[in-house]
């Protein structure tokens, strides 16, 4: 089935790798499972913190990140209902298994001196809210009911977003494309579509590679500690 099924990892930028690892392990209880030179990026570091067997939180450190000024409402939202620039992470919600776990997490975070608001009942989930290092707006949630589109998709809000009734049906029931007989070749560069912001020469070189060539050139499969 050609659809995504879960979050593999979320990668956030940091200018203080030690600080965010300390917070995520000691305050939130994640397990540090990876910390290594970022593959193919000179001076970069990459960490992975385990959420479960399929999902992780990740941080990327590059020295120049320390020179980028935080601007609430642009680079960061000040709270869960505040603005940030399109394409940025407005807030990040982690999950726990039950309301009891949610309350236990609230108490754990407060024991470390952080103000925590909640729990707040959203109907299909309950959540707590707080702010982490480097002004990350954080939420921890637990499902309390299935989020059913018949009750939680508001036609008036859809219309306000430019989505009509036909669009809603298509969006609620996406159709998988027929699987190709052979791998789909890389399309030609299209300036109207998003692309990774490499220098033009690098972008052209990557587009000219076959999939096997790109995999061979850019893969780093050996762990740093044998």
C-alpha atoms as a PDB file:
ATOM      1  CA  UNK A   1       0.000   0.000   0.000  1.00  0.00           C
ATOM      2  CA  UNK A   2       1.558   3.306  -1.080  1.00  0.00           C
ATOM      3  CA  UNK A   3       0.753   5.522   1.866  1.00  0.00           C
ATOM      4  CA  UNK A   4       2.615   6.681   4.941  1.00  0.00           C
ATOM      5  CA  UNK A   5       1.634   4.848   8.124  1.00  0.00           C
ATOM      6  CA  UNK A   6       3.359   6.575  11.046  1.00  0.00           C
ATOM      7  CA  UNK A   7       5.881   9.243  12.040  1.00  0.00           C
ATOM      8  CA  UNK A   8       9.363   7.709  11.702  1.00  0.00           C
ATOM      9  CA  UNK A   9      11.147  10.681  13.269  1.00  0.00           C
ATOM     10  CA  UNK A  10      10.693  14.401  13.750  1.00  0.00           C
ATOM     11  CA  UNK A  11      13.867  16.439  13.305  1.00  0.00           C
ATOM     12  CA  UNK A  12      14.229  19.816  15.029  1.00  0.00           C
ATOM     13  CA  UNK A  13      17.159  22.217  14.875  1.00  0.00           C
ATOM     14  CA  UNK A  14      19.166  22.962  18.003  1.00  0.00           C
ATOM     15  CA  UNK A  15      22.102  25.139  19.013  1.00  0.00           C
ATOM     16  CA  UNK A  16      22.470  23.174  22.278  1.00  0.00           C
ATOM     17  CA  UNK A  17      22.563  19.440  21.627  1.00  0.00           C
ATOM     18  CA  UNK A  18      23.514  18.561  25.206  1.00  0.00           C
ATOM     19  CA  UNK A  19      20.706  20.723  26.573  1.00  0.00           C
ATOM     20  CA  UNK A  20      17.919  19.246  24.452  1.00  0.00           C
ATOM     21  CA  UNK A  21      19.129  15.690  25.124  1.00  0.00           C
ATOM     22  CA  UNK A  22      19.137  16.432  28.858  1.00  0.00           C
ATOM     23  CA  UNK A  23      15.563  17.747  28.653  1.00  0.00           C
ATOM     24  CA  UNK A  24      14.204  14.936  26.505  1.00  0.00           C
ATOM     25  CA  UNK A  25      15.766  12.171  28.596  1.00  0.00           C
ATOM     26  CA  UNK A  26      15.400  13.522  32.123  1.00  0.00           C
ATOM     27  CA  UNK A  27      12.185  15.589  31.872  1.00  0.00           C
ATOM     28  CA  UNK A  28      10.283  13.616  29.217  1.00  0.00           C
ATOM     29  CA  UNK A  29      11.823  10.190  29.795  1.00  0.00           C
ATOM     30  CA  UNK A  30      13.007   9.423  26.256  1.00  0.00           C
ATOM     31  CA  UNK A  31      15.979   7.099  25.741  1.00  0.00           C
ATOM     32  CA  UNK A  32      19.012   8.392  23.828  1.00  0.00           C
ATOM     33  CA  UNK A  33      19.763   5.806  21.136  1.00  0.00           C
ATOM     34  CA  UNK A  34      21.833   7.731  18.568  1.00  0.00           C
ATOM     35  CA  UNK A  35      24.366  10.585  18.562  1.00  0.00           C
ATOM     36  CA  UNK A  36      26.726  10.840  15.601  1.00  0.00           C
ATOM     37  CA  UNK A  37      28.195  13.098  12.919  1.00  0.00           C
ATOM     38  CA  UNK A  38      25.397  14.087  10.579  1.00  0.00           C
ATOM     39  CA  UNK A  39      25.827  12.027   7.439  1.00  0.00           C
ATOM     40  CA  UNK A  40      27.443  14.024   4.674  1.00  0.00           C
ATOM     41  CA  UNK A  41      27.196  17.357   6.542  1.00  0.00           C
ATOM     42  CA  UNK A  42      30.579  18.689   7.782  1.00  0.00           C
ATOM     43  CA  UNK A  43      30.350  20.002  11.347  1.00  0.00           C
ATOM     44  CA  UNK A  44      26.842  18.657  11.857  1.00  0.00           C
ATOM     45  CA  UNK A  45      25.638  16.379  14.647  1.00  0.00           C
ATOM     46  CA  UNK A  46      22.470  14.271  14.703  1.00  0.00           C
ATOM     47  CA  UNK A  47      20.750  12.598  17.654  1.00  0.00           C
ATOM     48  CA  UNK A  48      17.878  10.147  17.933  1.00  0.00           C
ATOM     49  CA  UNK A  49      15.699   9.697  21.026  1.00  0.00           C
ATOM     50  CA  UNK A  50      13.442   6.642  21.113  1.00  0.00           C
ATOM     51  CA  UNK A  51       9.685   7.121  21.423  1.00  0.00           C
ATOM     52  CA  UNK A  52       8.716   3.535  20.572  1.00  0.00           C
ATOM     53  CA  UNK A  53       9.901   0.796  18.235  1.00  0.00           C
ATOM     54  CA  UNK A  54       8.809   2.756  15.160  1.00  0.00           C
ATOM     55  CA  UNK A  55       9.094   6.437  16.110  1.00  0.00           C
ATOM     56  CA  UNK A  56      11.832   8.763  17.324  1.00  0.00           C
ATOM     57  CA  UNK A  57      12.515  12.396  18.129  1.00  0.00           C
ATOM     58  CA  UNK A  58      15.616  13.761  16.442  1.00  0.00           C
ATOM     59  CA  UNK A  59      17.705  16.919  16.738  1.00  0.00           C
ATOM     60  CA  UNK A  60      20.168  18.384  14.250  1.00  0.00           C
ATOM     61  CA  UNK A  61      23.045  20.621  15.363  1.00  0.00           C
ATOM     62  CA  UNK A  62      25.033  22.880  13.036  1.00  0.00           C
ATOM     63  CA  UNK A  63      27.311  25.569  14.511  1.00  0.00           C
ATOM     64  CA  UNK A  64      25.683  28.355  12.470  1.00  0.00           C
ATOM     65  CA  UNK A  65      22.339  27.670  14.150  1.00  0.00           C
ATOM     66  CA  UNK A  66      23.561  29.615  17.183  1.00  0.00           C
ATOM     67  CA  UNK A  67      23.633  32.765  15.014  1.00  0.00           C
ATOM     68  CA  UNK A  68      19.963  32.555  13.957  1.00  0.00           C
ATOM     69  CA  UNK A  69      17.833  34.814  16.133  1.00  0.00           C
ATOM     70  CA  UNK A  70      14.598  33.517  17.613  1.00  0.00           C
ATOM     71  CA  UNK A  71      11.608  35.679  16.698  1.00  0.00           C
ATOM     72  CA  UNK A  72       8.358  34.699  18.382  1.00  0.00           C
ATOM     73  CA  UNK A  73       5.547  34.748  15.834  1.00  0.00           C
ATOM     74  CA  UNK A  74       7.959  34.051  12.965  1.00  0.00           C
ATOM     75  CA  UNK A  75      10.526  31.390  13.811  1.00  0.00           C
ATOM     76  CA  UNK A  76       8.550  30.126  16.835  1.00  0.00           C
ATOM     77  CA  UNK A  77       4.990  30.287  18.072  1.00  0.00           C
ATOM     78  CA  UNK A  78       4.697  31.688  21.584  1.00  0.00           C
ATOM     79  CA  UNK A  79       1.988  29.178  22.540  1.00  0.00           C
ATOM     80  CA  UNK A  80      -0.301  26.620  20.922  1.00  0.00           C
ATOM     81  CA  UNK A  81      -2.611  29.292  19.492  1.00  0.00           C
ATOM     82  CA  UNK A  82       0.079  31.695  18.286  1.00  0.00           C
ATOM     83  CA  UNK A  83       1.541  32.336  14.833  1.00  0.00           C
ATOM     84  CA  UNK A  84       4.727  31.125  13.199  1.00  0.00           C
ATOM     85  CA  UNK A  85       5.879  31.287   9.580  1.00  0.00           C
ATOM     86  CA  UNK A  86       4.247  28.889   7.085  1.00  0.00           C
ATOM     87  CA  UNK A  87       6.186  25.629   6.955  1.00  0.00           C
ATOM     88  CA  UNK A  88       7.588  25.951  10.480  1.00  0.00           C
ATOM     89  CA  UNK A  89       6.555  23.690  13.368  1.00  0.00           C
ATOM     90  CA  UNK A  90       3.836  25.583  15.255  1.00  0.00           C
ATOM     91  CA  UNK A  91       3.840  23.096  18.134  1.00  0.00           C
ATOM     92  CA  UNK A  92       4.901  19.509  18.759  1.00  0.00           C
ATOM     93  CA  UNK A  93       2.613  16.972  20.444  1.00  0.00           C
ATOM     94  CA  UNK A  94       3.948  13.756  21.974  1.00  0.00           C
ATOM     95  CA  UNK A  95       1.637  10.919  22.987  1.00  0.00           C
ATOM     96  CA  UNK A  96       1.034   8.769  26.054  1.00  0.00           C
ATOM     97  CA  UNK A  97      -1.240   5.764  26.475  1.00  0.00           C
ATOM     98  CA  UNK A  98      -3.821   6.903  29.050  1.00  0.00           C
ATOM     99  CA  UNK A  99      -5.167   9.811  31.077  1.00  0.00           C
ATOM    100  CA  UNK A 100      -3.301   8.428  34.109  1.00  0.00           C
ATOM    101  CA  UNK A 101      -0.076   8.518  32.080  1.00  0.00           C
ATOM    102  CA  UNK A 102      -0.878  12.070  31.022  1.00  0.00           C
ATOM    103  CA  UNK A 103      -1.296  13.204  34.632  1.00  0.00           C
ATOM    104  CA  UNK A 104       1.891  11.403  35.606  1.00  0.00           C
ATOM    105  CA  UNK A 105       3.750  13.219  32.812  1.00  0.00           C
ATOM    106  CA  UNK A 106       2.301  16.546  33.950  1.00  0.00           C
ATOM    107  CA  UNK A 107       3.647  15.876  37.447  1.00  0.00           C
ATOM    108  CA  UNK A 108       7.043  14.742  36.112  1.00  0.00           C
ATOM    109  CA  UNK A 109       7.482  17.925  34.072  1.00  0.00           C
ATOM    110  CA  UNK A 110       6.383  20.113  36.988  1.00  0.00           C
ATOM    111  CA  UNK A 111       8.890  18.363  39.281  1.00  0.00           C
ATOM    112  CA  UNK A 112      11.596  19.756  36.992  1.00  0.00           C
ATOM    113  CA  UNK A 113      10.286  23.293  37.488  1.00  0.00           C
ATOM    114  CA  UNK A 114       8.320  23.805  34.274  1.00  0.00           C
ATOM    115  CA  UNK A 115       4.843  25.372  34.263  1.00  0.00           C
ATOM    116  CA  UNK A 116       2.352  22.933  32.717  1.00  0.00           C
ATOM    117  CA  UNK A 117      -1.229  23.793  31.713  1.00  0.00           C
ATOM    118  CA  UNK A 118      -3.854  21.053  31.626  1.00  0.00           C
ATOM    119  CA  UNK A 119      -5.193  18.540  31.134  1.00  0.00           C
ATOM    120  CA  UNK A 120      -7.505  20.136  28.586  1.00  0.00           C
ATOM    121  CA  UNK A 121     -10.289  17.994  27.084  1.00  0.00           C
ATOM    122  CA  UNK A 122     -10.502  18.319  23.284  1.00  0.00           C
ATOM    123  CA  UNK A 123     -13.248  15.692  22.892  1.00  0.00           C
ATOM    124  CA  UNK A 124     -11.168  13.067  21.108  1.00  0.00           C
ATOM    125  CA  UNK A 125      -8.004  13.627  23.181  1.00  0.00           C
ATOM    126  CA  UNK A 126      -6.789  15.253  26.376  1.00  0.00           C
ATOM    127  CA  UNK A 127      -3.631  17.340  26.412  1.00  0.00           C
ATOM    128  CA  UNK A 128      -1.160  19.204  28.579  1.00  0.00           C
ATOM    129  CA  UNK A 129       0.894  22.157  27.314  1.00  0.00           C
ATOM    130  CA  UNK A 130       4.275  23.612  28.275  1.00  0.00           C
ATOM    131  CA  UNK A 131       7.385  25.155  26.779  1.00  0.00           C
ATOM    132  CA  UNK A 132      10.695  23.358  26.381  1.00  0.00           C
ATOM    133  CA  UNK A 133      14.270  24.377  25.593  1.00  0.00           C
ATOM    134  CA  UNK A 134      14.897  26.869  22.816  1.00  0.00           C
ATOM    135  CA  UNK A 135      11.228  27.938  23.026  1.00  0.00           C
ATOM    136  CA  UNK A 136       9.726  24.727  21.620  1.00  0.00           C
ATOM    137  CA  UNK A 137       5.959  24.779  22.250  1.00  0.00           C
ATOM    138  CA  UNK A 138       5.185  21.262  23.491  1.00  0.00           C
ATOM    139  CA  UNK A 139       2.034  19.237  24.050  1.00  0.00           C
ATOM    140  CA  UNK A 140       1.537  15.749  25.445  1.00  0.00           C
ATOM    141  CA  UNK A 141      -1.756  14.072  24.477  1.00  0.00           C
ATOM    142  CA  UNK A 142      -3.665  10.863  24.936  1.00  0.00           C
ATOM    143  CA  UNK A 143      -6.520   9.603  22.765  1.00  0.00           C
ATOM    144  CA  UNK A 144      -9.815   9.225  24.608  1.00  0.00           C
ATOM    145  CA  UNK A 145     -11.961   8.483  21.549  1.00  0.00           C
ATOM    146  CA  UNK A 146     -11.604   7.783  17.844  1.00  0.00           C
ATOM    147  CA  UNK A 147     -11.456  10.981  15.819  1.00  0.00           C
ATOM    148  CA  UNK A 148     -14.420  10.383  13.509  1.00  0.00           C
ATOM    149  CA  UNK A 149     -14.586  12.579  10.420  1.00  0.00           C
ATOM    150  CA  UNK A 150     -18.385  12.529  10.469  1.00  0.00           C
ATOM    151  CA  UNK A 151     -18.264  14.550  13.682  1.00  0.00           C
ATOM    152  CA  UNK A 152     -14.885  16.310  13.577  1.00  0.00           C
ATOM    153  CA  UNK A 153     -14.800  17.686  10.023  1.00  0.00           C
ATOM    154  CA  UNK A 154     -16.782  20.922  10.072  1.00  0.00           C
ATOM    155  CA  UNK A 155     -18.136  21.761   6.579  1.00  0.00           C
ATOM    156  CA  UNK A 156     -18.112  25.469   7.425  1.00  0.00           C
ATOM    157  CA  UNK A 157     -14.412  25.350   8.303  1.00  0.00           C
ATOM    158  CA  UNK A 158     -13.689  23.288   5.181  1.00  0.00           C
ATOM    159  CA  UNK A 159     -15.441  25.919   3.050  1.00  0.00           C
ATOM    160  CA  UNK A 160     -13.439  28.662   4.749  1.00  0.00           C
ATOM    161  CA  UNK A 161     -10.285  26.734   3.776  1.00  0.00           C
ATOM    162  CA  UNK A 162     -11.409  26.535   0.146  1.00  0.00           C
ATOM    163  CA  UNK A 163     -12.455  22.865   0.325  1.00  0.00           C
ATOM    164  CA  UNK A 164     -15.875  22.011  -1.123  1.00  0.00           C
ATOM    165  CA  UNK A 165     -18.021  18.906  -0.572  1.00  0.00           C
ATOM    166  CA  UNK A 166     -16.507  17.010  -3.520  1.00  0.00           C
ATOM    167  CA  UNK A 167     -13.016  17.796  -2.239  1.00  0.00           C
ATOM    168  CA  UNK A 168     -13.966  16.540   1.230  1.00  0.00           C
ATOM    169  CA  UNK A 169     -15.044  13.171  -0.096  1.00  0.00           C
ATOM    170  CA  UNK A 170     -11.815  12.841  -2.075  1.00  0.00           C
ATOM    171  CA  UNK A 171      -9.675  13.899   0.877  1.00  0.00           C
ATOM    172  CA  UNK A 172     -11.425  11.572   3.312  1.00  0.00           C
ATOM    173  CA  UNK A 173     -11.122   8.571   0.973  1.00  0.00           C
ATOM    174  CA  UNK A 174      -7.849   8.888  -0.956  1.00  0.00           C
ATOM    175  CA  UNK A 175      -7.404   6.350  -3.740  1.00  0.00           C
ATOM    176  CA  UNK A 176      -4.110   4.484  -3.994  1.00  0.00           C
ATOM    177  CA  UNK A 177      -2.565   4.774  -7.470  1.00  0.00           C
ATOM    178  CA  UNK A 178      -1.963   1.639  -9.494  1.00  0.00           C
ATOM    179  CA  UNK A 179       1.517   0.372  -8.578  1.00  0.00           C
ATOM    180  CA  UNK A 180       3.960   0.947 -11.442  1.00  0.00           C
ATOM    181  CA  UNK A 181       5.425  -2.063 -13.219  1.00  0.00           C
ATOM    182  CA  UNK A 182       8.893  -0.522 -13.047  1.00  0.00           C
ATOM    183  CA  UNK A 183      10.287   2.134 -10.664  1.00  0.00           C
ATOM    184  CA  UNK A 184       9.094   5.618 -11.567  1.00  0.00           C
ATOM    185  CA  UNK A 185      11.985   7.657 -13.035  1.00  0.00           C
ATOM    186  CA  UNK A 186      13.000  10.965 -11.546  1.00  0.00           C
ATOM    187  CA  UNK A 187      10.875  13.713 -13.157  1.00  0.00           C
ATOM    188  CA  UNK A 188      12.514  16.621 -14.892  1.00  0.00           C
ATOM    189  CA  UNK A 189      13.105  19.712 -12.765  1.00  0.00           C
ATOM    190  CA  UNK A 190       9.892  21.706 -12.359  1.00  0.00           C
ATOM    191  CA  UNK A 191      10.331  25.178 -10.823  1.00  0.00           C
ATOM    192  CA  UNK A 192       6.630  25.237  -9.863  1.00  0.00           C
ATOM    193  CA  UNK A 193       7.108  22.303  -7.455  1.00  0.00           C
ATOM    194  CA  UNK A 194       8.999  22.351  -4.157  1.00  0.00           C
ATOM    195  CA  UNK A 195      12.522  20.978  -4.205  1.00  0.00           C
ATOM    196  CA  UNK A 196      15.349  20.673  -1.723  1.00  0.00           C
ATOM    197  CA  UNK A 197      17.363  23.897  -1.602  1.00  0.00           C
ATOM    198  CA  UNK A 198      20.718  22.609  -2.744  1.00  0.00           C
ATOM    199  CA  UNK A 199      22.917  24.834  -4.918  1.00  0.00           C
ATOM    200  CA  UNK A 200      21.771  24.579  -8.553  1.00  0.00           C
ATOM    201  CA  UNK A 201      24.793  22.528  -9.625  1.00  0.00           C
ATOM    202  CA  UNK A 202      24.225  20.004  -6.823  1.00  0.00           C
ATOM    203  CA  UNK A 203      20.513  19.805  -7.608  1.00  0.00           C
ATOM    204  CA  UNK A 204      21.246  19.145 -11.275  1.00  0.00           C
ATOM    205  CA  UNK A 205      23.857  16.500 -10.428  1.00  0.00           C
ATOM    206  CA  UNK A 206      21.448  14.687  -8.103  1.00  0.00           C
ATOM    207  CA  UNK A 207      18.670  14.787 -10.710  1.00  0.00           C
ATOM    208  CA  UNK A 208      21.036  13.276 -13.295  1.00  0.00           C
ATOM    209  CA  UNK A 209      21.927  10.287 -11.084  1.00  0.00           C
ATOM    210  CA  UNK A 210      20.123   6.992 -11.273  1.00  0.00           C
ATOM    211  CA  UNK A 211      18.520   5.810  -8.033  1.00  0.00           C
ATOM    212  CA  UNK A 212      21.261   3.210  -7.568  1.00  0.00           C
ATOM    213  CA  UNK A 213      23.992   5.821  -8.112  1.00  0.00           C
ATOM    214  CA  UNK A 214      22.418   8.206  -5.621  1.00  0.00           C
ATOM    215  CA  UNK A 215      21.966   5.456  -3.023  1.00  0.00           C
ATOM    216  CA  UNK A 216      25.609   4.389  -3.408  1.00  0.00           C
ATOM    217  CA  UNK A 217      26.930   7.953  -3.247  1.00  0.00           C
ATOM    218  CA  UNK A 218      24.903   9.219  -0.285  1.00  0.00           C
ATOM    219  CA  UNK A 219      24.402   6.214   2.012  1.00  0.00           C
ATOM    220  CA  UNK A 220      26.165   5.874   5.386  1.00  0.00           C
ATOM    221  CA  UNK A 221      25.122   2.495   6.723  1.00  0.00           C
ATOM    222  CA  UNK A 222      27.877   1.652   9.230  1.00  0.00           C
ATOM    223  CA  UNK A 223      27.444   2.751  12.877  1.00  0.00           C
ATOM    224  CA  UNK A 224      30.194   5.053  14.264  1.00  0.00           C
ATOM    225  CA  UNK A 225      31.045   2.514  16.994  1.00  0.00           C
ATOM    226  CA  UNK A 226      31.641  -0.990  15.534  1.00  0.00           C
END
